[in-house]
């Protein structure tokens, strides 16, 4: 599994869709959590996460298909991943 950390709401999701596979995971963090409230995004994987602290600070409503995780779970997710990719473009 690769873990893609999306940190910008203007990230190129179409390009991400070309690289991300079904077994990979996507973590929305920093300003990337604003994508939680963007309708009609076609996510390439069902493993979608948002960092709780970033969600709380930005007062974002997270849809039920995105799992909100704390910092400890974030570290565990990073350790479980074969590769960690910062996606900010």
N, C-alpha and C. Protein backbone atom coordinates (compact mmCIF):
# COMPACT_ATOMS: atom_id res chain seq x y z
N UNK A 1 0.83 -1.18 0.00
CA UNK A 1 0.00 0.00 0.00
C UNK A 1 0.88 1.25 0.00
N UNK A 2 0.52 2.21 -0.82
CA UNK A 2 1.13 3.53 -0.80
C UNK A 2 0.16 4.46 -0.06
N UNK A 3 0.72 5.41 0.66
CA UNK A 3 -0.09 6.42 1.34
C UNK A 3 0.18 7.76 0.67
N UNK A 4 -0.87 8.35 0.10
CA UNK A 4 -0.78 9.66 -0.52
C UNK A 4 -1.35 10.68 0.46
N UNK A 5 -0.51 11.63 0.90
CA UNK A 5 -0.96 12.71 1.78
C UNK A 5 -1.25 13.93 0.92
N UNK A 6 -2.50 14.33 0.90
CA UNK A 6 -2.93 15.48 0.10
C UNK A 6 -3.04 16.67 1.04
N UNK A 7 -2.26 17.74 0.74
CA UNK A 7 -2.20 18.87 1.66
C UNK A 7 -2.77 20.16 1.08
N UNK A 8 -3.26 20.11 -0.15
CA UNK A 8 -3.77 21.32 -0.78
C UNK A 8 -5.15 21.07 -1.39
N UNK A 9 -6.09 21.99 -1.21
CA UNK A 9 -7.42 21.81 -1.82
C UNK A 9 -7.38 21.97 -3.34
N UNK A 10 -6.28 22.49 -3.86
CA UNK A 10 -6.16 22.63 -5.32
C UNK A 10 -5.34 21.50 -5.93
N UNK A 11 -5.15 20.42 -5.17
CA UNK A 11 -4.38 19.28 -5.67
C UNK A 11 -5.03 18.69 -6.92
N UNK A 12 -4.19 18.22 -7.81
CA UNK A 12 -4.66 17.63 -9.06
C UNK A 12 -5.14 16.20 -8.80
N UNK A 13 -6.42 16.06 -8.50
CA UNK A 13 -6.98 14.75 -8.17
C UNK A 13 -7.00 13.84 -9.39
N UNK A 14 -7.18 14.39 -10.57
CA UNK A 14 -7.16 13.57 -11.80
C UNK A 14 -5.79 12.90 -11.97
N UNK A 15 -4.72 13.63 -11.71
CA UNK A 15 -3.38 13.05 -11.80
C UNK A 15 -3.17 12.02 -10.69
N UNK A 16 -3.68 12.31 -9.51
CA UNK A 16 -3.59 11.36 -8.40
C UNK A 16 -4.32 10.07 -8.75
N UNK A 17 -5.46 10.18 -9.39
CA UNK A 17 -6.24 9.00 -9.79
C UNK A 17 -5.45 8.09 -10.72
N UNK A 18 -4.55 8.65 -11.51
CA UNK A 18 -3.75 7.84 -12.43
C UNK A 18 -2.67 7.04 -11.71
N UNK A 19 -2.22 7.52 -10.56
CA UNK A 19 -1.16 6.84 -9.81
C UNK A 19 -1.67 5.96 -8.68
N UNK A 20 -2.77 6.32 -8.10
CA UNK A 20 -3.32 5.62 -6.94
C UNK A 20 -4.09 4.38 -7.38
N UNK A 21 -3.87 3.28 -6.66
CA UNK A 21 -4.57 2.03 -6.94
C UNK A 21 -5.54 1.72 -5.80
N UNK A 22 -6.39 0.75 -6.02
CA UNK A 22 -7.45 0.43 -5.06
C UNK A 22 -6.92 0.09 -3.67
N UNK A 23 -5.76 -0.53 -3.57
CA UNK A 23 -5.21 -0.92 -2.26
C UNK A 23 -4.47 0.23 -1.57
N UNK A 24 -4.27 1.35 -2.25
CA UNK A 24 -3.59 2.50 -1.67
C UNK A 24 -4.53 3.29 -0.76
N UNK A 25 -3.96 4.22 -0.01
CA UNK A 25 -4.74 5.06 0.90
C UNK A 25 -4.45 6.53 0.62
N UNK A 26 -5.44 7.36 0.89
CA UNK A 26 -5.30 8.80 0.74
C UNK A 26 -5.62 9.45 2.09
N UNK A 27 -4.69 10.31 2.53
CA UNK A 27 -4.88 11.05 3.77
C UNK A 27 -5.00 12.53 3.43
N UNK A 28 -6.11 13.13 3.82
CA UNK A 28 -6.30 14.57 3.64
C UNK A 28 -5.83 15.25 4.92
N UNK A 29 -4.88 16.17 4.78
CA UNK A 29 -4.37 16.88 5.94
C UNK A 29 -4.02 18.31 5.56
N UNK A 30 -3.74 19.12 6.54
CA UNK A 30 -3.53 20.56 6.37
C UNK A 30 -4.74 21.12 5.61
N UNK A 31 -4.53 21.98 4.61
CA UNK A 31 -5.66 22.54 3.87
C UNK A 31 -6.32 21.52 2.93
N UNK A 32 -5.70 20.37 2.76
CA UNK A 32 -6.29 19.31 1.94
C UNK A 32 -7.62 18.81 2.49
N UNK A 33 -7.88 19.03 3.80
CA UNK A 33 -9.15 18.59 4.38
C UNK A 33 -10.34 19.34 3.77
N UNK A 34 -10.09 20.49 3.14
CA UNK A 34 -11.19 21.20 2.48
C UNK A 34 -11.79 20.36 1.35
N UNK A 35 -11.05 19.39 0.85
CA UNK A 35 -11.58 18.49 -0.19
C UNK A 35 -12.70 17.59 0.35
N UNK A 36 -12.80 17.48 1.67
CA UNK A 36 -13.90 16.70 2.28
C UNK A 36 -15.25 17.27 1.89
N UNK A 37 -15.31 18.57 1.71
CA UNK A 37 -16.59 19.22 1.41
C UNK A 37 -16.75 19.53 -0.08
N UNK A 38 -15.86 19.00 -0.90
CA UNK A 38 -15.97 19.20 -2.34
C UNK A 38 -16.80 18.07 -2.95
N UNK A 39 -17.94 18.40 -3.55
CA UNK A 39 -18.79 17.34 -4.10
C UNK A 39 -18.22 16.77 -5.40
N UNK A 40 -18.65 15.57 -5.70
CA UNK A 40 -18.40 14.92 -7.00
C UNK A 40 -16.94 14.62 -7.29
N UNK A 41 -16.13 14.40 -6.27
CA UNK A 41 -14.76 13.95 -6.53
C UNK A 41 -14.79 12.44 -6.70
N UNK A 42 -14.16 11.96 -7.74
CA UNK A 42 -14.06 10.53 -7.98
C UNK A 42 -12.75 10.04 -7.36
N UNK A 43 -12.83 9.49 -6.16
CA UNK A 43 -11.65 9.00 -5.47
C UNK A 43 -11.26 7.63 -6.00
N UNK A 44 -9.97 7.36 -6.19
CA UNK A 44 -9.52 6.09 -6.77
C UNK A 44 -9.45 4.93 -5.77
N UNK A 45 -9.71 5.20 -4.51
CA UNK A 45 -9.63 4.18 -3.47
C UNK A 45 -10.71 4.42 -2.43
N UNK A 46 -11.08 3.36 -1.74
CA UNK A 46 -12.07 3.49 -0.66
C UNK A 46 -11.39 3.82 0.67
N UNK A 47 -10.06 3.75 0.69
CA UNK A 47 -9.32 4.04 1.92
C UNK A 47 -9.00 5.54 1.98
N UNK A 48 -9.97 6.28 2.49
CA UNK A 48 -9.86 7.74 2.59
C UNK A 48 -9.84 8.15 4.04
N UNK A 49 -8.87 8.98 4.41
CA UNK A 49 -8.70 9.42 5.78
C UNK A 49 -8.54 10.93 5.82
N UNK A 50 -8.91 11.53 6.94
CA UNK A 50 -8.68 12.95 7.19
C UNK A 50 -8.12 13.08 8.60
N UNK A 51 -7.15 13.96 8.75
CA UNK A 51 -6.51 14.14 10.05
C UNK A 51 -7.41 14.98 10.96
N UNK A 52 -7.72 14.43 12.13
CA UNK A 52 -8.69 15.04 13.05
C UNK A 52 -8.33 16.46 13.46
N UNK A 53 -7.08 16.72 13.75
CA UNK A 53 -6.70 18.07 14.19
C UNK A 53 -6.94 19.10 13.09
N UNK A 54 -6.65 18.73 11.84
CA UNK A 54 -6.86 19.66 10.73
C UNK A 54 -8.35 19.87 10.46
N UNK A 55 -9.14 18.82 10.61
CA UNK A 55 -10.58 18.92 10.44
C UNK A 55 -11.17 19.84 11.51
N UNK A 56 -10.73 19.66 12.75
CA UNK A 56 -11.26 20.46 13.86
C UNK A 56 -10.89 21.93 13.72
N UNK A 57 -9.65 22.21 13.39
CA UNK A 57 -9.20 23.60 13.26
C UNK A 57 -9.97 24.33 12.16
N UNK A 58 -10.25 23.62 11.07
CA UNK A 58 -10.92 24.25 9.92
C UNK A 58 -12.44 24.09 9.97
N UNK A 59 -12.94 23.42 11.01
CA UNK A 59 -14.38 23.22 11.21
C UNK A 59 -15.05 22.64 9.95
N UNK A 60 -14.48 21.55 9.47
CA UNK A 60 -14.96 20.89 8.25
C UNK A 60 -15.92 19.76 8.63
N UNK A 61 -17.01 19.63 7.88
CA UNK A 61 -17.90 18.47 8.00
C UNK A 61 -17.34 17.37 7.11
N UNK A 62 -17.10 16.21 7.70
CA UNK A 62 -16.51 15.10 6.97
C UNK A 62 -17.59 14.09 6.61
N UNK A 63 -17.71 13.75 5.33
CA UNK A 63 -18.71 12.75 4.94
C UNK A 63 -18.38 11.37 5.52
N UNK A 64 -19.38 10.53 5.62
CA UNK A 64 -19.23 9.23 6.28
C UNK A 64 -18.24 8.29 5.60
N UNK A 65 -17.95 8.50 4.32
CA UNK A 65 -17.03 7.58 3.63
C UNK A 65 -15.56 7.94 3.86
N UNK A 66 -15.30 9.02 4.60
CA UNK A 66 -13.93 9.41 4.96
C UNK A 66 -13.76 9.17 6.46
N UNK A 67 -12.72 8.43 6.82
CA UNK A 67 -12.45 8.11 8.22
C UNK A 67 -11.55 9.19 8.82
N UNK A 68 -12.00 9.76 9.92
CA UNK A 68 -11.20 10.77 10.63
C UNK A 68 -10.27 10.03 11.60
N UNK A 69 -8.96 10.35 11.52
CA UNK A 69 -7.98 9.67 12.36
C UNK A 69 -7.19 10.68 13.19
N UNK A 70 -6.69 10.20 14.33
CA UNK A 70 -5.88 11.05 15.20
C UNK A 70 -4.40 10.89 14.83
N UNK A 71 -3.54 11.60 15.55
CA UNK A 71 -2.11 11.59 15.23
C UNK A 71 -1.48 10.20 15.38
N UNK A 72 -1.89 9.46 16.40
CA UNK A 72 -1.35 8.11 16.60
C UNK A 72 -1.73 7.20 15.43
N UNK A 73 -2.97 7.28 14.98
CA UNK A 73 -3.40 6.47 13.84
C UNK A 73 -2.68 6.90 12.56
N UNK A 74 -2.37 8.18 12.45
CA UNK A 74 -1.62 8.68 11.30
C UNK A 74 -0.22 8.05 11.26
N UNK A 75 0.44 8.00 12.41
CA UNK A 75 1.77 7.38 12.48
C UNK A 75 1.67 5.90 12.11
N UNK A 76 0.66 5.21 12.64
CA UNK A 76 0.47 3.80 12.32
C UNK A 76 0.22 3.59 10.83
N UNK A 77 -0.54 4.48 10.22
CA UNK A 77 -0.82 4.40 8.79
C UNK A 77 0.48 4.60 7.99
N UNK A 78 1.30 5.54 8.40
CA UNK A 78 2.59 5.78 7.73
C UNK A 78 3.50 4.57 7.84
N UNK A 79 3.54 3.96 9.02
CA UNK A 79 4.38 2.78 9.23
C UNK A 79 3.91 1.61 8.38
N UNK A 80 2.59 1.45 8.24
CA UNK A 80 2.03 0.34 7.47
C UNK A 80 2.25 0.50 5.97
N UNK A 81 2.44 1.72 5.52
CA UNK A 81 2.59 1.98 4.08
C UNK A 81 3.98 1.59 3.60
N UNK A 82 4.04 1.03 2.41
CA UNK A 82 5.33 0.71 1.78
C UNK A 82 6.01 1.98 1.29
N UNK A 83 5.18 2.95 0.92
CA UNK A 83 5.70 4.22 0.40
C UNK A 83 4.77 5.34 0.85
N UNK A 84 5.36 6.46 1.25
CA UNK A 84 4.60 7.65 1.65
C UNK A 84 4.87 8.74 0.62
N UNK A 85 3.79 9.28 0.04
CA UNK A 85 3.92 10.27 -1.02
C UNK A 85 3.20 11.55 -0.59
N UNK A 86 3.90 12.68 -0.59
CA UNK A 86 3.28 13.96 -0.31
C UNK A 86 2.76 14.51 -1.62
N UNK A 87 1.44 14.69 -1.70
CA UNK A 87 0.78 15.15 -2.94
C UNK A 87 0.32 16.58 -2.75
N UNK A 88 1.08 17.52 -3.29
CA UNK A 88 0.72 18.93 -3.10
C UNK A 88 0.56 19.67 -4.41
N UNK A 89 0.52 18.98 -5.53
CA UNK A 89 0.36 19.68 -6.81
C UNK A 89 -1.04 19.57 -7.32
